[in-house]
């Protein structure tokens, strides 16, 4: 099955059921990073709900790209400038076209993640920044699952545990390996942080008692102090010299 075909199914009504959403912490970070005069690119924009709508509203210009025509159609229905591409490692833009690139929940899906990072560096202007976010494979719950239950959850969708072999996540990162990949293609790291959800959501028997998806004050503090363990997501802000 071709990559495009896989993700057409992934974004279809009968596929993963995934719909983008912008987490509160991600929104806070974007507000601190993106000036109103920025030209922005959203690599792996999906349906545009994760950060595309926010970027289009708050920046000078916005373009989203994705390999799935189905996802791009959904983003266009939301009024976004979204375009189909063949590969994130071959972006159809000239050098130094953008001031800011969002690559949120994308690198873990890519066969050539380093190639995509290199392309992002190519299309950024000097001083431009990329915000990359990926799942943290070393999150405490995944460590417990491996150590106690002897199972690995790739985290791609609702079937990840039952059918790990067809999961969309094929690359796995931690708070150290994502920054290392970005520096390998010439970026300078500005900021590394973690994102989390309500602690109750990580415990199956207690999940139904979680009133909110977002992390509470205690979990946010744990993520801040020890992101390598308590962050369910790794966020890196890197700058092109």
Protein backbone atom coordinates (compact mmCIF):
# COMPACT_ATOMS: atom_id res chain seq x y z
CA UNK A 1 0.00 0.00 0.00
CA UNK A 2 1.39 3.41 -1.00
CA UNK A 3 1.88 6.07 1.68
CA UNK A 4 -0.75 8.35 0.14
CA UNK A 5 -3.26 5.49 0.00
CA UNK A 6 -2.61 4.64 3.65
CA UNK A 7 -3.27 8.21 4.78
CA UNK A 8 -6.32 8.62 2.57
CA UNK A 9 -7.78 5.73 4.56
CA UNK A 10 -6.44 7.19 7.82
CA UNK A 11 -8.29 10.48 7.27
CA UNK A 12 -11.46 8.93 5.85
CA UNK A 13 -14.71 8.61 7.78
CA UNK A 14 -14.04 4.88 8.27
CA UNK A 15 -10.37 5.34 9.15
CA UNK A 16 -8.65 6.27 12.40
CA UNK A 17 -11.35 8.68 13.50
CA UNK A 18 -8.62 11.20 14.30
CA UNK A 19 -9.51 14.87 14.22
CA UNK A 20 -7.06 17.63 14.99
CA UNK A 21 -7.31 19.80 18.08
CA UNK A 22 -5.02 22.47 19.47
CA UNK A 23 -4.04 21.73 23.05
CA UNK A 24 -3.99 24.65 25.46
CA UNK A 25 -0.23 24.37 26.04
CA UNK A 26 0.46 24.29 22.31
CA UNK A 27 -1.60 27.44 21.87
CA UNK A 28 0.33 29.18 24.63
CA UNK A 29 3.61 28.29 22.92
CA UNK A 30 2.44 29.47 19.50
CA UNK A 31 1.40 32.84 20.93
CA UNK A 32 4.93 33.33 22.23
CA UNK A 33 6.59 32.29 18.97
CA UNK A 34 4.64 33.62 15.99
CA UNK A 35 4.68 37.37 15.26
CA UNK A 36 1.87 38.86 13.15
CA UNK A 37 4.26 39.54 10.24
CA UNK A 38 5.34 35.89 9.94
CA UNK A 39 4.91 33.76 6.82
CA UNK A 40 4.02 30.30 8.12
CA UNK A 41 4.18 26.74 6.80
CA UNK A 42 2.33 23.85 8.45
CA UNK A 43 3.99 20.55 7.48
CA UNK A 44 1.56 17.67 7.89
CA UNK A 45 -1.34 20.04 8.43
CA UNK A 46 -4.00 17.32 8.45
CA UNK A 47 -7.47 18.83 8.70
CA UNK A 48 -6.00 22.15 9.89
CA UNK A 49 -7.47 21.95 13.36
CA UNK A 50 -4.26 21.27 15.27
CA UNK A 51 -2.64 24.65 14.61
CA UNK A 52 -3.52 25.67 11.05
CA UNK A 53 -6.59 27.72 11.89
CA UNK A 54 -4.71 29.60 14.60
CA UNK A 55 -1.72 30.33 12.35
CA UNK A 56 -3.95 31.50 9.48
CA UNK A 57 -5.71 33.92 11.81
CA UNK A 58 -2.67 35.33 13.61
CA UNK A 59 0.13 35.37 11.01
CA UNK A 60 0.64 37.30 7.78
CA UNK A 61 0.36 34.22 5.60
CA UNK A 62 -0.29 30.51 6.00
CA UNK A 63 0.19 27.42 3.85
CA UNK A 64 -0.53 23.87 5.01
CA UNK A 65 0.72 20.74 3.25
CA UNK A 66 -0.15 17.07 3.67
CA UNK A 67 0.15 13.81 1.73
CA UNK A 68 -3.56 13.10 2.19
CA UNK A 69 -5.94 14.76 -0.27
CA UNK A 70 -8.80 13.87 2.10
CA UNK A 71 -7.18 15.80 4.95
CA UNK A 72 -6.34 18.71 2.64
CA UNK A 73 -9.97 18.86 1.48
CA UNK A 74 -11.07 19.10 5.12
CA UNK A 75 -8.58 21.91 5.75
CA UNK A 76 -9.79 23.77 2.67
CA UNK A 77 -13.39 23.45 3.85
CA UNK A 78 -12.23 25.30 6.96
CA UNK A 79 -10.99 28.14 4.72
CA UNK A 80 -7.28 27.28 4.83
CA UNK A 81 -4.72 27.38 2.03
CA UNK A 82 -3.87 23.68 2.07
CA UNK A 83 -2.02 21.70 -0.62
CA UNK A 84 -1.26 18.07 -1.36
CA UNK A 85 2.40 17.03 -1.45
CA UNK A 86 4.08 13.72 -2.28
CA UNK A 87 6.66 13.73 0.50
CA UNK A 88 7.58 16.00 3.43
CA UNK A 89 11.21 15.37 2.52
CA UNK A 90 10.63 17.16 -0.82
CA UNK A 91 8.77 20.38 -0.06
CA UNK A 92 7.61 22.32 -3.17
CA UNK A 93 8.85 25.72 -2.01
CA UNK A 94 11.85 27.88 -2.75
CA UNK A 95 14.65 28.34 -0.26
CA UNK A 96 14.02 30.86 2.52
CA UNK A 97 10.27 31.16 1.89
CA UNK A 98 9.02 31.12 5.49
CA UNK A 99 9.63 32.64 8.91
CA UNK A 100 7.99 29.87 10.92
CA UNK A 101 7.24 26.19 10.36
CA UNK A 102 4.94 24.03 12.46
CA UNK A 103 5.55 20.28 12.33
CA UNK A 104 3.17 18.93 14.96
CA UNK A 105 2.63 15.18 15.36
CA UNK A 106 4.30 14.49 12.01
CA UNK A 107 7.91 13.27 12.32
CA UNK A 108 6.76 10.01 13.95
CA UNK A 109 4.84 9.19 10.75
CA UNK A 110 7.73 9.71 8.32
CA UNK A 111 10.07 7.18 6.77
CA UNK A 112 12.64 9.94 6.19
CA UNK A 113 12.15 12.16 9.22
CA UNK A 114 15.67 13.59 9.00
CA UNK A 115 15.13 14.43 5.33
CA UNK A 116 11.95 16.31 6.23
CA UNK A 117 13.80 18.22 8.95
CA UNK A 118 16.47 19.17 6.40
CA UNK A 119 13.79 20.41 3.98
CA UNK A 120 12.22 22.50 6.73
CA UNK A 121 15.62 24.10 7.34
CA UNK A 122 15.97 24.78 3.61
CA UNK A 123 12.65 26.65 3.28
CA UNK A 124 13.14 28.70 6.46
CA UNK A 125 14.71 32.12 6.34
CA UNK A 126 17.79 32.76 8.50
CA UNK A 127 16.56 33.29 12.05
CA UNK A 128 13.33 31.45 11.27
CA UNK A 129 12.06 28.88 13.72
CA UNK A 130 10.42 25.49 13.64
CA UNK A 131 8.12 24.09 16.32
CA UNK A 132 8.23 20.29 16.31
CA UNK A 133 6.03 18.11 18.49
CA UNK A 134 6.08 14.30 18.74
CA UNK A 135 4.89 11.65 21.20
CA UNK A 136 7.40 10.83 23.95
CA UNK A 137 8.11 7.11 23.70
CA UNK A 138 9.78 7.22 27.14
CA UNK A 139 6.67 8.54 28.93
CA UNK A 140 6.17 6.85 32.30
CA UNK A 141 3.08 4.95 31.18
CA UNK A 142 4.93 3.40 28.24
CA UNK A 143 7.78 2.41 30.55
CA UNK A 144 5.32 0.65 32.87
CA UNK A 145 3.60 -1.07 29.97
CA UNK A 146 6.91 -2.47 28.76
CA UNK A 147 8.32 -3.37 32.19
CA UNK A 148 5.19 -4.80 33.82
CA UNK A 149 2.89 -5.86 30.98
CA UNK A 150 5.50 -6.63 28.34
CA UNK A 151 3.71 -4.68 25.63
CA UNK A 152 4.50 -1.69 23.42
CA UNK A 153 1.92 0.87 22.37
CA UNK A 154 2.95 2.81 19.22
CA UNK A 155 0.19 5.35 20.02
CA UNK A 156 -1.00 5.91 16.45
CA UNK A 157 -4.72 5.30 16.88
CA UNK A 158 -7.34 3.30 18.77
CA UNK A 159 -6.06 -0.01 17.34
CA UNK A 160 -2.44 0.52 18.34
CA UNK A 161 -2.38 -2.17 21.02
CA UNK A 162 -4.43 -4.76 19.16
CA UNK A 163 -2.67 -4.34 15.79
CA UNK A 164 0.72 -2.77 16.41
CA UNK A 165 2.05 -3.96 13.04
CA UNK A 166 -0.18 -1.58 11.03
CA UNK A 167 0.25 1.47 13.27
CA UNK A 168 0.97 4.80 11.51
CA UNK A 169 3.80 5.65 13.93
CA UNK A 170 7.08 4.33 12.51
CA UNK A 171 9.65 6.64 14.16
CA UNK A 172 9.99 7.10 17.92
CA UNK A 173 11.48 10.03 19.84
CA UNK A 174 12.40 11.19 23.33
CA UNK A 175 13.33 14.57 24.82
CA UNK A 176 16.94 13.95 23.75
CA UNK A 177 16.57 12.34 20.33
CA UNK A 178 14.23 14.90 18.73
CA UNK A 179 16.60 17.84 19.47
CA UNK A 180 19.52 15.70 18.28
CA UNK A 181 17.83 15.07 14.93
CA UNK A 182 17.16 18.78 14.45
CA UNK A 183 20.73 19.77 15.28
CA UNK A 184 21.99 17.12 12.84
CA UNK A 185 20.53 19.15 9.94
CA UNK A 186 21.88 22.49 11.16
CA UNK A 187 19.28 23.84 13.60
CA UNK A 188 20.13 25.51 16.89
CA UNK A 189 17.87 24.48 19.77
CA UNK A 190 16.05 27.35 21.48
CA UNK A 191 13.73 25.45 23.76
CA UNK A 192 12.79 21.90 24.76
CA UNK A 193 9.65 21.24 26.76
CA UNK A 194 6.98 18.65 27.32
CA UNK A 195 3.24 18.50 27.01
CA UNK A 196 0.96 16.41 29.15
CA UNK A 197 -2.62 15.45 29.76
CA UNK A 198 -4.54 14.91 32.97
CA UNK A 199 -2.71 12.29 35.03
CA UNK A 200 -5.93 10.33 35.48
CA UNK A 201 -6.15 9.77 31.72
CA UNK A 202 -2.94 7.73 31.83
CA UNK A 203 -4.48 5.20 34.23
CA UNK A 204 -7.23 3.08 32.60
CA UNK A 205 -9.22 2.38 35.79
CA UNK A 206 -9.24 6.09 36.67
CA UNK A 207 -9.63 7.59 33.19
CA UNK A 208 -13.40 7.96 33.51
CA UNK A 209 -12.91 10.27 36.51
CA UNK A 210 -10.83 12.79 34.55
CA UNK A 211 -12.90 15.96 34.20
CA UNK A 212 -10.57 17.57 31.68
CA UNK A 213 -8.13 16.35 29.04
CA UNK A 214 -5.58 19.08 29.78
CA UNK A 215 -2.96 18.57 32.46
CA UNK A 216 -3.71 20.03 35.87
CA UNK A 217 -1.27 22.09 37.98
CA UNK A 218 0.44 19.05 39.52
CA UNK A 219 0.99 17.25 36.23
CA UNK A 220 2.17 20.45 34.52
CA UNK A 221 4.76 20.88 37.28
CA UNK A 222 5.91 17.27 36.94
CA UNK A 223 6.24 17.72 33.18
CA UNK A 224 8.24 20.90 33.70
CA UNK A 225 10.62 19.28 36.21
CA UNK A 226 11.04 15.90 34.48
CA UNK A 227 9.75 15.99 30.92
CA UNK A 228 11.67 12.84 29.97
CA UNK A 229 9.36 10.83 32.24
CA UNK A 230 6.11 12.74 32.66
CA UNK A 231 5.66 14.46 29.29
CA UNK A 232 3.42 12.56 26.90
CA UNK A 233 4.57 14.93 24.14
CA UNK A 234 8.00 16.40 23.36
CA UNK A 235 8.08 19.95 21.99
CA UNK A 236 11.20 21.51 20.52
CA UNK A 237 11.64 25.04 19.21
CA UNK A 238 14.70 25.30 16.96
CA UNK A 239 16.17 28.19 15.00
CA UNK A 240 17.90 28.32 11.63
CA UNK A 241 21.21 30.18 12.07
